[in-house]
Amino acid sequence: MDGTIRSDIKPGMLVNIILKKDQRSGALTEGIVKDILTSAPRHHHGIKVRLEDGQIGRVQEIIETAPE
């Protein structure tokens, strides 16, 4: 799954995000979603999230869904 639809993303999910500084290189950062920062239902560049380690970026892919 890609990360362009807000309702697909939940806190606790393992995702790959692209940080602002990595947009040119395309390097991805893996982490667990802490907060969802985008309020729109979808965003063509990816939903902006804060990871548990504090990094902020746009979701490029969802690796693992959150445990129930």
Protein backbone atom coordinates (compact mmCIF):
# COMPACT_ATOMS: atom_id res chain seq x y z
CA MET A 1 0.00 0.00 0.00
CA ASP A 2 1.16 3.50 -0.70
CA GLY A 3 0.74 6.29 1.82
CA THR A 4 -1.52 8.73 -0.02
CA ILE A 5 -4.81 7.93 1.77
CA ARG A 6 -5.09 9.13 5.37
CA SER A 7 -7.61 6.48 6.45
CA ASP A 8 -5.09 3.72 5.54
CA ILE A 9 -2.57 5.01 8.10
CA LYS A 10 -2.89 4.43 11.84
CA PRO A 11 -0.56 5.02 14.80
CA GLY A 12 1.56 1.95 15.49
CA MET A 13 2.03 1.03 11.81
CA LEU A 14 5.48 0.30 10.43
CA VAL A 15 6.06 2.56 7.41
CA ASN A 16 8.72 3.94 5.11
CA ILE A 17 8.76 7.74 4.94
CA ILE A 18 10.74 10.23 2.92
CA LEU A 19 12.26 13.04 4.97
CA LYS A 20 12.40 16.58 3.58
CA LYS A 21 16.21 16.39 3.34
CA ASP A 22 15.99 13.11 1.38
CA GLN A 23 13.47 14.21 -1.25
CA ARG A 24 16.14 14.64 -3.95
CA SER A 25 17.89 11.33 -3.26
CA GLY A 26 14.70 9.36 -2.56
CA ALA A 27 16.23 7.69 0.51
CA LEU A 28 13.56 6.14 2.73
CA THR A 29 13.45 6.02 6.53
CA GLU A 30 11.67 3.18 8.30
CA GLY A 31 9.76 3.76 11.52
CA ILE A 32 6.58 3.41 13.53
CA VAL A 33 3.86 6.07 13.19
CA LYS A 34 3.24 8.11 16.34
CA ASP A 35 1.07 10.97 14.97
CA ILE A 36 -0.66 11.74 11.67
CA LEU A 37 -0.02 15.38 10.75
CA THR A 38 -1.93 15.73 7.45
CA SER A 39 -5.58 16.66 7.98
CA ALA A 40 -6.69 16.16 4.35
CA PRO A 41 -8.18 12.73 3.46
CA ARG A 42 -5.53 12.21 0.76
CA HIS A 43 -2.29 13.81 -0.40
CA HIS A 44 -0.56 12.98 -3.68
CA HIS A 45 2.96 13.16 -2.17
CA GLY A 46 2.02 11.03 0.85
CA ILE A 47 0.43 11.63 4.24
CA LYS A 48 2.75 13.52 6.60
CA VAL A 49 3.44 11.69 9.87
CA ARG A 50 5.66 11.90 12.94
CA LEU A 51 7.49 8.71 13.80
CA GLU A 52 8.03 7.50 17.38
CA ASP A 53 11.64 8.74 17.19
CA GLY A 54 10.42 12.27 16.32
CA GLN A 55 11.30 12.33 12.61
CA ILE A 56 8.70 13.86 10.30
CA GLY A 57 8.11 12.90 6.70
CA ARG A 58 5.62 11.71 4.10
CA VAL A 59 4.58 8.05 3.97
CA GLN A 60 5.81 6.32 0.81
CA GLU A 61 4.75 2.79 1.70
CA ILE A 62 3.07 0.88 4.50
CA ILE A 63 5.19 -2.09 5.53
CA GLU A 64 3.10 -3.58 8.34
CA THR A 65 -0.31 -2.72 9.71
CA ALA A 66 -0.78 -1.78 13.35
CA PRO A 67 -1.43 -4.59 15.82
CA GLU A 68 -5.07 -4.75 16.91
